[in-house]
Amino acid sequence: NFKLMTSSSLNPGLGELAQILQADLATIGVTVEIEDVESATYNERFLPGDFDVAVHTFGRANKDPATLFGGAVVWYTNPETNPTKFDSDTYRELVEQGATTIDPAERREIYHAVTELIQDESFTIPIAQQPRTWAWLPEVRDFAYTLDNMPLWHAVWLDR
């Protein structure tokens, strides 16, 4: 039994994901109390790790693996900056090796070892992808987004 911190006001879908997790865990007898906090409260508590379990989203996972470990806070190798406070010399070494190794076959082996360590330690557990969908009116011009599905606003304009 535990408290699950989320923030519906921070990111669309977080509250709903918390409810799904609560219902799924109830099927195996685990009681989950959802704490749906305001975004400011979530941000104050998340980085210092002031929670039992938290629903969190991250991006930068669809390019090179090194961008995931260097860009998404829940995968950081430093326990002082990772909200899970996970601390492992092996994890740090493998992530560093993966980021600095050029040979694709060696990198595959390194990231396989990272994946096994993550599965064994379970310090963060990806549950579901959260795709972003973009829609705009016909008069919106030059809308674009990155490989991380983040909008590029610098060139957007209205043709009116």
Protein backbone atom coordinates (compact mmCIF):
# COMPACT_ATOMS: atom_id res chain seq x y z
CA ASN A 1 0.00 0.00 0.00
CA PHE A 2 1.34 3.42 -0.92
CA LYS A 3 0.57 6.97 -2.04
CA LEU A 4 0.88 7.76 -5.73
CA MET A 5 1.67 11.42 -6.45
CA THR A 6 0.39 12.88 -9.69
CA SER A 7 -0.69 16.25 -11.06
CA SER A 8 -3.57 16.52 -13.49
CA SER A 9 -2.84 20.24 -13.78
CA LEU A 10 0.80 19.68 -14.75
CA ASN A 11 0.37 17.42 -17.72
CA PRO A 12 -2.73 16.07 -19.47
CA GLY A 13 -3.20 12.39 -18.81
CA LEU A 14 -1.23 12.10 -15.57
CA GLY A 15 -4.34 11.89 -13.40
CA GLU A 16 -5.92 9.33 -15.68
CA LEU A 17 -2.75 7.23 -15.70
CA ALA A 18 -2.73 7.31 -11.90
CA GLN A 19 -6.31 6.02 -11.87
CA ILE A 20 -5.42 3.21 -14.28
CA LEU A 21 -2.46 2.19 -12.12
CA GLN A 22 -4.63 2.33 -9.00
CA ALA A 23 -7.26 0.06 -10.59
CA ASP A 24 -4.68 -2.38 -11.99
CA LEU A 25 -2.85 -2.71 -8.67
CA ALA A 26 -6.15 -3.20 -6.83
CA THR A 27 -6.64 -6.41 -8.84
CA ILE A 28 -3.65 -7.90 -7.00
CA GLY A 29 -4.63 -6.50 -3.60
CA VAL A 30 -2.43 -3.39 -3.53
CA THR A 31 -4.15 -0.28 -2.20
CA VAL A 32 -3.04 2.95 -3.84
CA GLU A 33 -4.02 6.37 -2.54
CA ILE A 34 -3.80 8.97 -5.31
CA GLU A 35 -2.41 12.37 -4.35
CA ASP A 36 -3.42 14.65 -7.23
CA VAL A 37 -1.51 17.81 -6.34
CA GLU A 38 -1.20 21.21 -8.03
CA SER A 39 1.69 21.56 -10.46
CA ALA A 40 3.70 23.82 -8.11
CA THR A 41 3.42 21.25 -5.31
CA TYR A 42 4.35 18.42 -7.68
CA ASN A 43 7.44 20.28 -8.89
CA GLU A 44 8.50 21.14 -5.32
CA ARG A 45 8.26 17.50 -4.26
CA PHE A 46 9.31 15.60 -7.40
CA LEU A 47 12.97 16.56 -7.83
CA PRO A 48 13.88 16.11 -4.15
CA GLY A 49 12.15 12.69 -4.21
CA ASP A 50 9.48 13.60 -1.64
CA PHE A 51 6.97 10.90 -2.67
CA ASP A 52 6.29 7.17 -2.34
CA VAL A 53 5.64 6.69 -6.07
CA ALA A 54 5.11 9.38 -8.70
CA VAL A 55 3.58 9.45 -12.14
CA HIS A 56 5.97 11.29 -14.43
CA THR A 57 6.44 11.76 -18.15
CA PHE A 58 9.69 12.16 -20.02
CA GLY A 59 10.80 12.66 -23.57
CA ARG A 60 14.03 12.45 -25.48
CA ALA A 61 13.82 8.69 -25.69
CA ASN A 62 13.38 8.24 -29.41
CA LYS A 63 16.83 9.19 -30.70
CA ASP A 64 20.11 7.81 -29.44
CA PRO A 65 19.96 6.07 -26.04
CA ALA A 66 22.50 8.55 -24.67
CA THR A 67 19.93 11.35 -25.08
CA LEU A 68 17.55 9.48 -22.77
CA PHE A 69 20.07 9.06 -19.96
CA GLY A 70 21.39 12.59 -20.29
CA GLY A 71 18.10 14.37 -20.90
CA ALA A 72 15.37 12.75 -18.83
CA VAL A 73 15.72 13.40 -15.09
CA VAL A 74 14.43 9.99 -13.93
CA TRP A 75 17.31 8.34 -15.82
CA TYR A 76 20.12 10.60 -14.53
CA THR A 77 23.05 8.69 -13.07
CA ASN A 78 23.64 11.17 -10.22
CA PRO A 79 21.46 10.34 -7.19
CA GLU A 80 21.53 14.00 -6.15
CA THR A 81 19.75 15.07 -9.35
CA ASN A 82 17.64 11.95 -9.95
CA PRO A 83 14.33 12.05 -8.03
CA THR A 84 14.48 8.27 -7.45
CA LYS A 85 17.83 8.74 -5.64
CA PHE A 86 19.06 5.54 -7.32
CA ASP A 87 22.81 5.18 -6.79
CA SER A 88 24.89 2.63 -8.68
CA ASP A 89 28.50 2.78 -9.83
CA THR A 90 27.73 0.09 -12.41
CA TYR A 91 24.82 2.10 -13.83
CA ARG A 92 26.97 5.26 -14.06
CA GLU A 93 29.80 3.37 -15.76
CA LEU A 94 27.55 1.64 -18.28
CA VAL A 95 25.70 4.84 -19.20
CA GLU A 96 29.03 6.65 -19.65
CA GLN A 97 30.40 3.79 -21.76
CA GLY A 98 27.29 3.80 -23.94
CA ALA A 99 27.51 7.54 -24.52
CA THR A 100 31.21 7.45 -25.44
CA THR A 101 31.46 4.23 -27.46
CA ILE A 102 31.29 4.58 -31.24
CA ASP A 103 31.16 0.96 -32.38
CA PRO A 104 27.47 -0.01 -32.90
CA ALA A 105 27.97 -3.64 -31.83
CA GLU A 106 29.72 -2.59 -28.59
CA ARG A 107 27.02 -0.01 -27.89
CA ARG A 108 24.32 -2.63 -28.35
CA GLU A 109 26.03 -4.86 -25.74
CA ILE A 110 26.45 -1.94 -23.33
CA TYR A 111 22.83 -0.81 -23.63
CA HIS A 112 21.67 -4.42 -23.27
CA ALA A 113 23.56 -4.50 -19.95
CA VAL A 114 22.00 -1.14 -18.96
CA THR A 115 18.55 -2.52 -19.76
CA GLU A 116 19.13 -5.63 -17.66
CA LEU A 117 20.35 -3.52 -14.73
CA ILE A 118 17.28 -1.24 -14.99
CA GLN A 119 14.96 -4.25 -15.04
CA ASP A 120 16.72 -5.83 -12.05
CA GLU A 121 16.78 -2.65 -9.96
CA SER A 122 13.42 -1.20 -11.09
CA PHE A 123 14.26 2.29 -9.81
CA THR A 124 12.02 3.73 -12.50
CA ILE A 125 9.47 1.77 -14.47
CA PRO A 126 8.17 3.01 -17.82
CA ILE A 127 4.47 2.19 -18.05
CA ALA A 128 3.12 3.70 -21.24
CA GLN A 129 4.03 6.02 -24.06
CA GLN A 130 2.33 9.42 -24.03
CA PRO A 131 2.09 10.56 -27.64
CA ARG A 132 1.47 14.20 -28.42
CA THR A 133 -1.02 15.03 -31.12
CA TRP A 134 -0.94 18.38 -32.88
CA ALA A 135 -3.85 20.02 -34.67
CA TRP A 136 -4.05 23.47 -36.16
CA LEU A 137 -6.29 25.63 -38.30
CA PRO A 138 -5.65 25.93 -42.05
CA GLU A 139 -4.38 29.51 -41.62
CA VAL A 140 -1.54 28.41 -39.31
CA ARG A 141 1.66 28.29 -41.33
CA ASP A 142 5.12 26.81 -40.81
CA PHE A 143 4.24 24.78 -37.71
CA ALA A 144 6.93 22.17 -37.08
CA TYR A 145 8.11 19.92 -34.27
CA THR A 146 11.31 18.14 -33.29
CA LEU A 147 12.09 14.42 -33.22
CA ASP A 148 11.15 14.65 -29.53
CA ASN A 149 7.68 15.84 -30.62
CA MET A 150 8.27 19.28 -29.12
CA PRO A 151 6.82 22.26 -31.01
CA LEU A 152 9.08 24.71 -32.81
CA TRP A 153 7.32 28.05 -32.42
CA HIS A 154 9.94 30.38 -33.88
CA ALA A 155 8.60 30.27 -37.48
CA VAL A 156 4.84 29.88 -36.86
CA TRP A 157 2.58 32.56 -38.28
CA LEU A 158 -1.08 33.14 -39.16
CA ASP A 159 -2.09 33.68 -42.77
CA ARG A 160 -5.01 36.06 -42.23
